[in-house]
N, C-alpha and C. Protein backbone atom coordinates (compact mmCIF):
# COMPACT_ATOMS: atom_id res chain seq x y z
N UNK A 1 -28.79 -10.42 -13.66
CA UNK A 1 -29.66 -9.55 -12.91
C UNK A 1 -30.96 -9.47 -13.63
N UNK A 2 -32.11 -9.66 -12.97
CA UNK A 2 -33.42 -9.62 -13.50
C UNK A 2 -33.85 -8.22 -13.69
N UNK A 3 -34.42 -7.69 -14.68
CA UNK A 3 -34.92 -6.29 -14.75
C UNK A 3 -35.85 -6.00 -13.68
N UNK A 4 -36.61 -6.91 -13.14
CA UNK A 4 -37.70 -6.79 -12.00
C UNK A 4 -36.95 -6.36 -10.76
N UNK A 5 -35.47 -6.47 -10.61
CA UNK A 5 -35.02 -6.20 -9.32
C UNK A 5 -35.08 -4.89 -8.94
N UNK A 6 -35.17 -3.90 -9.97
CA UNK A 6 -35.38 -2.50 -9.56
C UNK A 6 -36.71 -2.03 -9.48
N UNK A 7 -37.69 -2.90 -9.53
CA UNK A 7 -39.12 -2.49 -9.54
C UNK A 7 -39.51 -2.53 -7.94
N UNK A 8 -39.98 -1.35 -7.42
CA UNK A 8 -40.32 -1.20 -6.05
C UNK A 8 -41.61 -1.82 -5.87
N UNK A 9 -41.71 -2.84 -5.01
CA UNK A 9 -42.77 -3.57 -4.64
C UNK A 9 -43.39 -3.00 -3.37
N UNK A 10 -44.62 -2.91 -3.41
CA UNK A 10 -45.31 -2.17 -2.21
C UNK A 10 -44.89 -2.65 -0.92
N UNK A 11 -44.70 -3.86 -0.66
CA UNK A 11 -44.41 -4.44 0.63
C UNK A 11 -42.83 -4.32 1.06
N UNK A 12 -42.07 -3.88 -0.03
CA UNK A 12 -40.57 -3.65 0.19
C UNK A 12 -40.14 -2.30 0.21
N UNK A 13 -41.02 -1.24 0.28
CA UNK A 13 -40.60 0.20 0.15
C UNK A 13 -39.94 0.55 1.29
N UNK A 14 -39.93 0.10 2.46
CA UNK A 14 -39.39 0.47 3.63
C UNK A 14 -37.83 0.21 3.78
N UNK A 15 -37.23 -0.86 2.81
CA UNK A 15 -35.92 -1.00 2.83
C UNK A 15 -35.22 0.16 2.23
N UNK A 16 -33.81 0.30 2.47
CA UNK A 16 -33.15 1.43 2.00
C UNK A 16 -33.24 1.77 0.47
N UNK A 17 -33.00 0.76 -0.43
CA UNK A 17 -32.77 1.01 -1.79
C UNK A 17 -34.09 1.60 -2.35
N UNK A 18 -35.17 0.97 -2.06
CA UNK A 18 -36.47 1.67 -2.54
C UNK A 18 -36.78 2.93 -2.12
N UNK A 19 -36.53 3.30 -0.78
CA UNK A 19 -36.62 4.66 -0.27
C UNK A 19 -35.82 5.65 -1.08
N UNK A 20 -34.50 5.27 -1.25
CA UNK A 20 -33.72 6.29 -1.96
C UNK A 20 -34.15 6.48 -3.33
N UNK A 21 -34.74 5.41 -3.91
CA UNK A 21 -35.29 5.70 -5.35
C UNK A 21 -36.45 6.53 -5.31
N UNK A 22 -37.34 6.35 -4.40
CA UNK A 22 -38.60 7.03 -4.18
C UNK A 22 -38.23 8.58 -3.90
N UNK A 23 -37.48 8.95 -2.95
CA UNK A 23 -37.10 10.15 -2.60
C UNK A 23 -36.41 10.95 -3.67
N UNK A 24 -35.47 10.23 -4.43
CA UNK A 24 -34.80 10.71 -5.48
C UNK A 24 -35.85 11.09 -6.73
N UNK A 25 -36.65 10.18 -6.94
CA UNK A 25 -37.64 10.34 -8.18
C UNK A 25 -38.57 11.51 -7.77
N UNK A 26 -38.91 11.65 -6.60
CA UNK A 26 -39.99 12.68 -6.18
C UNK A 26 -39.33 14.08 -6.21
N UNK A 27 -38.00 14.04 -5.67
CA UNK A 27 -37.10 15.38 -5.75
C UNK A 27 -37.49 16.47 -4.92
N UNK A 28 -38.18 16.33 -3.84
CA UNK A 28 -38.56 17.44 -2.90
C UNK A 28 -37.50 17.55 -1.89
N UNK A 29 -37.47 18.83 -1.33
CA UNK A 29 -36.44 19.03 -0.31
C UNK A 29 -36.67 18.31 1.02
N UNK A 30 -35.78 17.95 1.78
CA UNK A 30 -35.90 17.23 3.02
C UNK A 30 -37.00 17.85 3.89
N UNK A 31 -37.69 16.97 4.66
CA UNK A 31 -38.61 17.49 5.56
C UNK A 31 -40.19 17.32 4.97
N UNK A 32 -40.36 16.91 3.87
CA UNK A 32 -41.67 16.98 3.36
C UNK A 32 -42.32 15.55 3.61
N UNK A 33 -41.76 14.64 4.08
CA UNK A 33 -42.21 13.29 4.24
C UNK A 33 -42.94 13.17 5.65
N UNK A 34 -44.04 12.66 5.75
CA UNK A 34 -44.73 12.47 7.01
C UNK A 34 -45.34 11.11 7.11
N UNK A 35 -45.86 10.70 8.29
CA UNK A 35 -46.53 9.47 8.49
C UNK A 35 -47.67 9.51 9.38
N UNK A 36 -48.77 8.86 9.13
CA UNK A 36 -49.85 8.86 10.17
C UNK A 36 -49.51 7.85 11.28
N UNK A 37 -50.56 7.83 12.21
CA UNK A 37 -50.26 6.97 13.44
C UNK A 37 -50.21 5.51 13.13
N UNK A 38 -50.65 5.21 11.96
CA UNK A 38 -50.40 3.71 11.61
C UNK A 38 -49.19 3.43 10.76
N UNK A 39 -48.38 4.43 10.66
CA UNK A 39 -46.97 4.36 9.91
C UNK A 39 -47.16 4.40 8.39
N UNK A 40 -48.27 4.79 7.81
CA UNK A 40 -48.39 5.16 6.39
C UNK A 40 -47.60 6.36 5.97
N UNK A 41 -46.75 6.30 5.18
CA UNK A 41 -45.91 7.48 4.73
C UNK A 41 -46.59 8.16 3.71
N UNK A 42 -46.49 9.57 3.77
CA UNK A 42 -46.92 10.35 2.53
C UNK A 42 -46.11 11.60 2.36
N UNK A 43 -46.26 12.31 1.46
CA UNK A 43 -45.45 13.49 1.17
C UNK A 43 -46.34 14.83 1.01
N UNK A 44 -45.78 15.92 1.44
CA UNK A 44 -46.57 17.25 1.29
C UNK A 44 -45.64 17.84 0.22
N UNK A 45 -46.40 18.63 -0.75
CA UNK A 45 -45.68 19.39 -1.75
C UNK A 45 -45.42 20.94 -1.55
N UNK A 46 -44.88 21.45 -2.40
CA UNK A 46 -44.66 22.92 -2.45
C UNK A 46 -43.94 23.31 -1.07
N UNK A 47 -44.59 24.06 -0.18
CA UNK A 47 -43.91 24.62 0.94
C UNK A 47 -43.66 23.56 2.08
N UNK A 48 -44.25 22.41 1.94
CA UNK A 48 -44.16 21.33 2.86
C UNK A 48 -45.17 21.42 4.08
N UNK A 49 -46.08 22.38 4.05
CA UNK A 49 -46.95 22.51 5.17
C UNK A 49 -48.33 21.71 4.76
N UNK A 50 -48.89 21.19 5.79
CA UNK A 50 -50.16 20.34 5.52
C UNK A 50 -51.35 21.43 5.19
N UNK A 51 -51.94 21.23 4.01
CA UNK A 51 -52.95 22.02 3.54
C UNK A 51 -54.39 21.28 3.58
N UNK A 52 -54.38 20.04 3.62
CA UNK A 52 -55.73 19.24 3.67
C UNK A 52 -55.62 17.94 4.51
N UNK A 53 -56.72 17.51 4.98
CA UNK A 53 -56.73 16.31 5.66
C UNK A 53 -57.35 15.27 4.73
N UNK A 54 -56.86 13.96 4.92
CA UNK A 54 -57.44 12.81 4.10
C UNK A 54 -57.42 11.57 5.14
N UNK A 55 -57.45 10.45 4.50
CA UNK A 55 -57.38 9.21 5.41
C UNK A 55 -56.44 8.25 4.80
N UNK A 56 -55.72 7.50 5.74
CA UNK A 56 -54.83 6.45 5.10
C UNK A 56 -55.76 5.20 4.76
N UNK A 57 -55.12 4.09 4.20
CA UNK A 57 -55.91 2.87 3.98
C UNK A 57 -56.59 2.35 5.19
N UNK A 58 -56.21 2.62 6.46
CA UNK A 58 -56.81 2.23 7.54
C UNK A 58 -57.64 3.19 8.20
N UNK A 59 -58.04 4.31 7.55
CA UNK A 59 -58.96 5.37 7.92
C UNK A 59 -58.32 6.27 9.00
N UNK A 60 -57.14 6.30 9.22
CA UNK A 60 -56.49 7.42 10.17
C UNK A 60 -56.27 8.69 9.39
N UNK A 61 -56.11 9.68 10.11
CA UNK A 61 -56.02 10.99 9.43
C UNK A 61 -54.64 11.17 9.02
N UNK A 62 -54.45 11.51 7.74
CA UNK A 62 -53.24 12.15 7.26
C UNK A 62 -53.31 13.57 6.74
N UNK A 63 -52.27 14.33 6.95
CA UNK A 63 -52.27 15.72 6.62
C UNK A 63 -52.64 16.60 7.73
N UNK A 64 -53.26 17.68 7.41
CA UNK A 64 -53.68 18.74 8.36
C UNK A 64 -54.19 19.88 7.68
N UNK A 65 -54.37 21.05 8.25
CA UNK A 65 -54.92 22.22 7.60
C UNK A 65 -54.01 23.53 8.06
N UNK A 66 -53.96 24.41 7.23
CA UNK A 66 -53.38 25.89 7.51
C UNK A 66 -51.86 25.51 7.97
N UNK A 67 -51.13 24.67 7.37
CA UNK A 67 -49.77 24.38 7.64
C UNK A 67 -49.62 23.78 8.90
N UNK A 68 -50.65 23.24 9.66
CA UNK A 68 -50.57 22.53 10.90
C UNK A 68 -50.80 21.22 10.66
N UNK A 69 -49.85 20.36 10.97
CA UNK A 69 -50.03 18.77 10.79
C UNK A 69 -50.89 18.39 11.90
N UNK A 70 -51.72 17.36 11.58
CA UNK A 70 -52.62 16.63 12.62
C UNK A 70 -51.80 16.16 13.65
N UNK A 71 -52.17 16.23 14.89
CA UNK A 71 -51.37 15.88 15.95
C UNK A 71 -51.06 14.41 16.11
N UNK A 72 -51.74 13.52 15.23
CA UNK A 72 -51.48 12.15 15.29
C UNK A 72 -50.48 11.73 14.26
N UNK A 73 -50.04 12.72 13.43
CA UNK A 73 -48.96 12.51 12.34
C UNK A 73 -47.64 13.00 12.87
N UNK A 74 -46.62 12.45 12.34
CA UNK A 74 -45.37 12.88 12.67
C UNK A 74 -44.39 12.88 11.24
N UNK A 75 -43.17 13.53 11.53
CA UNK A 75 -42.21 13.61 10.48
C UNK A 75 -41.75 12.19 10.15
N UNK A 76 -41.70 11.75 8.89
CA UNK A 76 -41.15 10.41 8.55
C UNK A 76 -39.69 10.59 8.17
N UNK A 77 -38.80 10.99 9.10
CA UNK A 77 -37.32 11.15 9.16
C UNK A 77 -36.59 9.93 8.51
N UNK A 78 -37.30 8.83 8.51
CA UNK A 78 -36.70 7.54 7.91
C UNK A 78 -36.59 7.70 6.36
N UNK A 79 -37.48 8.66 5.71
CA UNK A 79 -37.42 8.66 4.23
C UNK A 79 -36.22 9.48 3.93
N UNK A 80 -35.86 10.58 4.34
CA UNK A 80 -34.90 11.50 3.87
C UNK A 80 -33.89 11.95 4.94
N UNK A 81 -33.93 11.53 6.13
CA UNK A 81 -33.06 11.97 7.11
C UNK A 81 -33.42 13.33 7.68
N UNK A 82 -34.45 13.87 7.34
CA UNK A 82 -34.70 15.35 7.94
C UNK A 82 -35.05 15.13 9.33
N UNK A 83 -34.71 16.38 10.08
CA UNK A 83 -34.82 16.38 11.44
C UNK A 83 -36.07 17.20 11.83
N UNK A 84 -36.53 17.93 10.80
CA UNK A 84 -37.73 18.77 11.19
C UNK A 84 -38.51 19.18 9.80
N UNK A 85 -39.63 19.54 9.89
CA UNK A 85 -40.41 19.88 8.57
C UNK A 85 -39.89 21.18 8.12
N UNK A 86 -40.03 21.62 6.88
CA UNK A 86 -39.68 22.92 6.49
C UNK A 86 -40.34 24.19 6.99
N UNK A 87 -41.56 23.93 7.48
CA UNK A 87 -42.31 25.03 8.21
C UNK A 87 -42.39 24.94 9.63
N UNK A 88 -41.56 24.12 10.18
CA UNK A 88 -41.61 24.01 11.68
C UNK A 88 -41.10 25.02 12.55
N UNK A 89 -41.27 25.02 13.77
CA UNK A 89 -40.69 26.03 14.71
C UNK A 89 -39.17 25.79 14.76
N UNK A 90 -38.56 24.55 14.53
CA UNK A 90 -37.26 24.26 14.43
C UNK A 90 -36.58 25.01 13.22
N UNK A 91 -37.24 24.98 12.06
CA UNK A 91 -36.79 25.61 10.92
C UNK A 91 -36.85 27.10 11.18
N UNK A 92 -37.89 27.71 11.72
CA UNK A 92 -37.95 29.05 12.12
C UNK A 92 -36.82 29.67 12.87
N UNK A 93 -36.48 28.78 14.01
CA UNK A 93 -35.38 29.03 14.87
C UNK A 93 -34.05 28.96 14.06
N UNK A 94 -33.80 28.09 13.14
CA UNK A 94 -32.55 28.04 12.55
C UNK A 94 -32.51 29.27 11.60
N UNK A 95 -33.72 29.61 10.92
CA UNK A 95 -33.58 30.80 10.03
C UNK A 95 -33.24 32.01 10.73
N UNK A 96 -33.89 32.11 11.94
CA UNK A 96 -33.62 33.42 12.94
C UNK A 96 -32.24 33.48 13.24
N UNK A 97 -31.65 32.25 13.56
CA UNK A 97 -30.26 32.32 14.01
C UNK A 97 -29.39 32.74 12.82
N UNK A 98 -29.75 32.26 11.68
CA UNK A 98 -28.90 32.62 10.46
C UNK A 98 -28.88 34.29 10.40
N UNK A 99 -30.19 34.71 10.46
CA UNK A 99 -30.37 36.17 10.31
C UNK A 99 -29.65 37.02 11.36
N UNK A 100 -29.56 36.40 12.54
CA UNK A 100 -28.75 37.10 13.60
C UNK A 100 -27.30 37.06 13.47
N UNK A 101 -26.71 36.13 12.68
CA UNK A 101 -25.32 36.12 12.35
C UNK A 101 -24.88 37.30 11.37
N UNK A 102 -25.92 37.64 10.65
CA UNK A 102 -25.50 38.79 9.75
C UNK A 102 -25.65 40.19 10.41
N UNK A 103 -26.11 40.33 11.54
CA UNK A 103 -26.27 41.52 12.18
C UNK A 103 -24.95 42.10 12.82
């Protein structure tokens, strides 16, 4: 086995093994991975909410402001299997349901 076998090549990042390595290396909780309308994947740190806007290599908007993701971006569930962002309405509903169970 060649030592270069484990090097993540930019063109190959979408296959399963490199994605697992990337997500493991970054170590953020599920739901922090997003993609722009062109499919460029990026990650938000800390709380997982979008705090600023930028541009992808093809000049599409990535990110958002005030924890609101730009409407042209979406969750990149293919990265970590997340079904919703950590600050989303789905998360709030799940947390509220958990609180109600304790009543």
